[in-house]
Structure formats: structure tokens, C-alpha cells
Amino acid sequence: MSTSTESRVNVDQAELAKFSALAARWWDPDSEFAPLHAINPLRLDWIQEIAGSLDGKQVLDVGCGGGILAESMAAAGATVTGIDLAEKSLKVARLHGLESGVKVEYRAVPVEDLAREQPERYDVVTCMEMLEHVPDPASIVRACADLAKPGGWVFFSTLNRNPKSFLYAIVGAEHVLRLLPRGTHSYENFIKPSELAAAVRQSGLAAVRMAGMQYNPFTKVYGLSGDTSVNYLMATRK
């Protein structure tokens, strides 16, 4: 993981364009975002199991996209801010919030800029399925750490980098089962847990728990497990 500190927007324009092109389908549970809808209850339950009730807490969702996780955390009682650099996705998130009546503040701002603006503001920071899409994931980890209050929780999820993850996440998910559009992921951007753990430590966070996320192609059901060889979540605390 790169640890560059040069001043620039930490975004891959091709990745931004890819998600912007799909923005209108964020809330369609049968669209390319179906896996996110399927795993969202798992993510939310895991966050609440570790961090406790979200009711009354200040929560930041980094890389919020169309707001699937952000809305569910707000519905659980949190005061939620969602940030992303894909303006079309944020527009969809805001429109869906008007329809659902779930209040989330959405902002188009780099997480590094927000960390300078609002250090140590949030009880919980989430950064899910984002790190593998940016040029400098370590910079994101540092900013998330800076945004968390002392004692606050920071949650990450991403993809491991090994032959099995290539087979499952790219060949299987994108080409065979077609759960995701082809080109959704780039294998070279996958992050080993040891690499994420190192970035976490360097940012002043302590890794507390990890869990794997698995998909059963026969039952079409997602579940959490102890197998972190493909998708995994990491709970850290400041």
C-alpha cells in the first residue's frame, strides 16, 4: 500500500466514471448493485455487534455511493454523513433519501480534506468496498483514523489478494456468475489483510476483529465466516 502524502485528490478517474455510469441503478436490488443490497444487513449487524447501538452516534460513511449503508445506519438512529466523489451517485442517494424519509447528509469531498476540516468528530467511521478502488488506500486509512474520536470505531471491508480471490472475485463473480459487471475489480488493487493491518497500525488504530464474507452460489445467500481469503471486514479502534 502506497503511503504517498503529496497533495492531490486520491481518486482514480476511470473508477469514478465506472460507478457514475451505473449510478441510476444503485437502489435496484436486481441490478449490478444486487450484491451490495444482499450483504448490507450483514455489514450493519456486524458494525452494531462490535460498536454497539448506533442510536445517537455521529457516523461517517466514506465512499457511500448511492447511500445503501448510510441510510441503514441512519435508520438505526445514527446521525450520518456520507461522502463520495461520484456526484451522480450522491444525487441518487439524495433523491432516495427524499423518497424514504431517512435523513443523511451527503457531501462530495475527499476524505483527506474532511479529516482536516473535522478531526476526531465521529463515533463510527465506515469505509466499505472502497479501498480497492483508489490509488492510495493508506491515505484513506489515515484520514478515517483522523476523523474518528478517541475510542471511536473505524470499519473497513475490501478484497484479499491471492489466487483464490482472483478466481472467486473476478473470474467467478464477474465472468461466470455475472454477479458484477466485468471490470468492476482490478486484481492488482486487492489488499492483503497484513497490508491493511500495517496501514491501520501506522494510522494509530488497533485492529480488533476480522471476518470473512462468503457467497453460496447454490443458495444465493451471503454470510459471514472465519474465512478471510476473499472478501473480508476489519474492525479497528482508535
Protein backbone atom coordinates (compact mmCIF):
# COMPACT_ATOMS: atom_id res chain seq x y z
CA MET A 1 0.00 0.00 0.00
CA SER A 2 1.33 3.36 -1.00
CA THR A 3 1.96 5.92 1.70
CA SER A 4 2.32 8.97 -0.52
CA THR A 5 1.47 12.25 1.17
CA GLU A 6 1.63 14.53 -1.86
CA SER A 7 -1.29 16.93 -2.19
CA ARG A 8 -3.72 15.54 -4.74
CA VAL A 9 -7.22 14.15 -4.93
CA ASN A 10 -6.95 10.46 -4.12
CA VAL A 11 -9.21 9.16 -6.88
CA ASP A 12 -8.95 7.01 -9.98
CA GLN A 13 -10.95 8.84 -12.65
CA ALA A 14 -11.70 5.60 -14.51
CA GLU A 15 -13.17 4.10 -11.34
CA LEU A 16 -15.21 7.25 -10.76
CA ALA A 17 -16.56 7.14 -14.31
CA LYS A 18 -17.43 3.45 -13.95
CA PHE A 19 -19.61 3.97 -10.88
CA SER A 20 -21.08 7.21 -12.22
CA ALA A 21 -22.28 5.36 -15.32
CA LEU A 22 -24.17 2.89 -13.10
CA ALA A 23 -25.48 5.50 -10.65
CA ALA A 24 -29.14 5.32 -11.63
CA ARG A 25 -29.27 1.64 -10.69
CA TRP A 26 -27.88 1.93 -7.11
CA TRP A 27 -31.24 1.20 -5.47
CA ASP A 28 -32.42 -1.52 -7.87
CA PRO A 29 -31.94 -4.78 -5.90
CA ASP A 30 -31.82 -6.71 -9.18
CA SER A 31 -29.13 -4.50 -10.75
CA GLU A 32 -25.35 -4.64 -10.74
CA PHE A 33 -25.59 -3.49 -7.11
CA ALA A 34 -27.57 -6.55 -6.01
CA PRO A 35 -24.58 -7.93 -4.05
CA LEU A 36 -24.37 -4.71 -2.02
CA HIS A 37 -28.06 -4.97 -1.15
CA ALA A 38 -27.56 -8.60 -0.16
CA ILE A 39 -24.56 -8.00 2.11
CA ASN A 40 -25.79 -4.75 3.65
CA PRO A 41 -27.69 -6.39 6.55
CA LEU A 42 -24.57 -8.43 7.32
CA ARG A 43 -22.40 -5.33 7.39
CA LEU A 44 -24.86 -3.37 9.53
CA ASP A 45 -25.31 -6.19 12.05
CA TRP A 46 -21.54 -6.70 12.32
CA ILE A 47 -20.95 -2.99 12.91
CA GLN A 48 -23.62 -2.86 15.63
CA GLU A 49 -22.41 -6.07 17.24
CA ILE A 50 -18.96 -4.56 17.70
CA ALA A 51 -19.60 -0.84 18.15
CA GLY A 52 -22.89 -1.21 19.98
CA SER A 53 -26.11 0.61 19.22
CA LEU A 54 -25.76 3.36 16.63
CA ASP A 55 -28.59 5.34 18.18
CA GLY A 56 -27.48 8.92 18.79
CA LYS A 57 -23.98 8.37 17.40
CA GLN A 58 -22.15 10.51 14.85
CA VAL A 59 -21.34 8.25 11.90
CA LEU A 60 -19.38 8.84 8.70
CA ASP A 61 -19.67 6.58 5.65
CA VAL A 62 -16.65 7.05 3.38
CA GLY A 63 -17.28 6.13 -0.26
CA CYS A 64 -21.02 5.99 0.39
CA GLY A 65 -22.06 5.62 -3.25
CA GLY A 66 -25.84 5.64 -3.54
CA GLY A 67 -26.29 5.51 0.24
CA ILE A 68 -27.27 1.89 0.87
CA LEU A 69 -25.24 1.50 4.08
CA ALA A 70 -25.54 5.17 5.06
CA GLU A 71 -29.35 5.03 5.03
CA SER A 72 -29.45 1.80 7.04
CA MET A 73 -27.20 3.30 9.73
CA ALA A 74 -29.36 6.44 9.84
CA ALA A 75 -32.47 4.26 10.16
CA ALA A 76 -30.75 2.64 13.16
CA GLY A 77 -30.72 6.04 14.86
CA ALA A 78 -27.34 7.46 13.90
CA THR A 79 -26.64 10.96 12.62
CA VAL A 80 -24.95 10.01 9.35
CA THR A 81 -22.78 11.87 6.87
CA GLY A 82 -21.98 10.10 3.61
CA ILE A 83 -19.15 11.26 1.37
CA ASP A 84 -18.20 10.27 -2.15
CA LEU A 85 -16.59 11.87 -5.19
CA ALA A 86 -19.11 10.49 -7.70
CA GLU A 87 -21.61 13.32 -7.99
CA LYS A 88 -24.15 11.20 -9.86
CA SER A 89 -24.15 8.60 -7.09
CA LEU A 90 -24.66 11.32 -4.48
CA LYS A 91 -27.56 12.74 -6.48
CA VAL A 92 -29.20 9.29 -6.46
CA ALA A 93 -28.52 8.99 -2.71
CA ARG A 94 -30.15 12.35 -2.00
CA LEU A 95 -33.19 11.55 -4.15
CA HIS A 96 -33.64 8.18 -2.48
CA GLY A 97 -33.42 9.83 0.93
CA LEU A 98 -36.27 12.14 -0.06
CA GLU A 99 -38.34 9.10 -1.06
CA SER A 100 -37.51 7.01 2.01
CA GLY A 101 -37.63 9.84 4.52
CA VAL A 102 -34.31 8.70 6.00
CA LYS A 103 -32.11 11.71 6.66
CA VAL A 104 -28.43 11.53 5.66
CA GLU A 105 -26.13 14.45 4.89
CA TYR A 106 -24.25 13.78 1.64
CA ARG A 107 -21.13 15.65 0.60
CA ALA A 108 -18.78 15.48 -2.37
CA VAL A 109 -15.48 15.89 -0.54
CA PRO A 110 -12.22 13.89 -0.40
CA VAL A 111 -11.91 12.10 2.92
CA GLU A 112 -8.46 13.62 3.42
CA ASP A 113 -9.96 17.13 3.17
CA LEU A 114 -12.76 16.25 5.57
CA ALA A 115 -10.20 14.91 8.06
CA ARG A 116 -8.50 18.30 8.11
CA GLU A 117 -11.88 20.03 8.46
CA GLN A 118 -13.45 17.78 11.12
CA PRO A 119 -10.76 15.86 13.05
CA GLU A 120 -11.96 13.49 15.78
CA ARG A 121 -15.65 14.20 15.14
CA TYR A 122 -17.14 10.75 14.57
CA ASP A 123 -18.01 7.87 16.89
CA VAL A 124 -18.02 5.43 13.96
CA VAL A 125 -16.38 5.65 10.54
CA THR A 126 -17.13 3.09 7.84
CA CYS A 127 -15.18 2.57 4.62
CA MET A 128 -16.65 -0.41 2.82
CA GLU A 129 -15.69 -1.82 -0.59
CA MET A 130 -13.73 1.34 -1.40
CA LEU A 131 -10.05 0.83 -0.64
CA GLU A 132 -9.54 -1.43 -3.68
CA HIS A 133 -10.76 1.37 -5.96
CA VAL A 134 -8.35 4.20 -5.02
CA PRO A 135 -4.70 4.91 -5.93
CA ASP A 136 -3.54 5.38 -2.32
CA PRO A 137 -5.55 3.28 0.14
CA ALA A 138 -3.18 4.03 3.04
CA SER A 139 -4.09 7.71 2.74
CA ILE A 140 -7.76 6.79 3.11
CA VAL A 141 -7.00 4.71 6.21
CA ARG A 142 -5.08 7.61 7.80
CA ALA A 143 -7.89 10.06 7.10
CA CYS A 144 -10.51 7.68 8.53
CA ALA A 145 -8.38 7.34 11.67
CA ASP A 146 -8.07 11.13 11.99
CA LEU A 147 -11.84 11.53 11.68
CA ALA A 148 -12.63 9.11 14.50
CA LYS A 149 -12.95 10.27 18.09
CA PRO A 150 -10.54 8.76 20.63
CA GLY A 151 -12.12 5.41 21.42
CA GLY A 152 -14.12 5.55 18.18
CA TRP A 153 -14.54 2.66 15.77
CA VAL A 154 -13.35 2.50 12.16
CA PHE A 155 -14.61 -0.31 9.92
CA PHE A 156 -13.08 -1.39 6.63
CA SER A 157 -14.00 -4.03 4.09
CA THR A 158 -12.08 -4.96 0.97
CA LEU A 159 -10.75 -7.90 -1.06
CA ASN A 160 -7.78 -10.10 -0.25
CA ARG A 161 -5.08 -10.57 -2.91
CA ASN A 162 -4.30 -14.21 -3.69
CA PRO A 163 -5.12 -16.79 -6.40
CA LYS A 164 -8.39 -17.76 -4.69
CA SER A 165 -9.65 -14.17 -4.58
CA PHE A 166 -8.80 -13.75 -8.26
CA LEU A 167 -10.74 -16.93 -9.06
CA TYR A 168 -13.75 -16.07 -6.90
CA ALA A 169 -14.00 -12.27 -7.09
CA ILE A 170 -13.07 -11.75 -10.73
CA VAL A 171 -13.43 -14.98 -12.71
CA GLY A 172 -16.40 -16.26 -10.68
CA ALA A 173 -18.27 -13.11 -9.74
CA GLU A 174 -17.69 -11.11 -12.94
CA HIS A 175 -17.41 -13.73 -15.68
CA VAL A 176 -19.13 -16.95 -14.58
CA LEU A 177 -21.93 -15.98 -12.18
CA ARG A 178 -22.13 -12.41 -13.51
CA LEU A 179 -22.90 -11.02 -10.08
CA LEU A 180 -20.90 -7.92 -11.01
CA PRO A 181 -20.14 -6.15 -14.30
CA ARG A 182 -16.88 -7.18 -15.95
CA GLY A 183 -14.08 -4.84 -14.97
CA THR A 184 -15.57 -3.98 -11.58
CA HIS A 185 -12.35 -5.01 -9.85
CA SER A 186 -8.64 -4.93 -10.69
CA TYR A 187 -6.74 -7.76 -9.04
CA GLU A 188 -3.57 -5.70 -8.55
CA ASN A 189 -5.55 -3.32 -6.31
CA PHE A 190 -6.70 -6.03 -3.92
CA ILE A 191 -5.26 -5.67 -0.40
CA LYS A 192 -3.93 -8.42 1.85
CA PRO A 193 -5.10 -8.28 5.47
CA SER A 194 -1.49 -7.93 6.58
CA GLU A 195 -1.14 -4.83 4.38
CA LEU A 196 -4.34 -3.29 5.71
CA ALA A 197 -3.33 -4.14 9.28
CA ALA A 198 0.01 -2.39 8.76
CA ALA A 199 -1.71 0.75 7.45
CA VAL A 200 -4.12 0.60 10.38
CA ARG A 201 -1.27 0.44 12.91
CA GLN A 202 0.61 3.27 11.22
CA SER A 203 -2.54 5.39 11.48
CA GLY A 204 -2.90 4.93 15.23
CA LEU A 205 -5.69 2.38 15.06
CA ALA A 206 -5.78 -1.05 16.66
CA ALA A 207 -7.19 -3.96 14.66
CA VAL A 208 -9.78 -5.62 16.92
CA ARG A 209 -11.66 -8.17 14.81
CA MET A 210 -11.81 -9.62 11.33
CA ALA A 211 -14.46 -11.59 9.49
CA GLY A 212 -14.78 -13.07 6.05
CA MET A 213 -17.75 -12.74 3.75
CA GLN A 214 -18.78 -15.65 1.57
CA TYR A 215 -21.32 -16.29 -1.18
CA ASN A 216 -23.01 -19.63 -1.74
CA PRO A 217 -23.81 -19.82 -5.48
CA PHE A 218 -26.31 -22.64 -4.92
CA THR A 219 -28.43 -20.96 -2.23
CA LYS A 220 -27.51 -17.47 -3.47
CA VAL A 221 -27.01 -16.42 0.14
CA TYR A 222 -24.19 -14.35 1.65
CA GLY A 223 -22.86 -15.00 5.13
CA LEU A 224 -20.04 -14.06 7.49
CA SER A 225 -17.36 -16.63 8.30
CA GLY A 226 -13.85 -17.01 9.59
CA ASP A 227 -12.52 -17.39 6.04
CA THR A 228 -10.91 -14.07 5.05
CA SER A 229 -9.29 -15.38 1.86
CA VAL A 230 -11.59 -13.41 -0.48
CA ASN A 231 -13.85 -10.68 0.95
CA TYR A 232 -13.07 -9.56 4.47
CA LEU A 233 -14.05 -6.95 7.05
CA MET A 234 -11.76 -5.41 9.66
CA ALA A 235 -12.94 -3.62 12.79
CA THR A 236 -10.44 -1.18 14.27
CA ARG A 237 -10.48 1.19 17.22
CA LYS A 238 -8.72 4.46 17.92
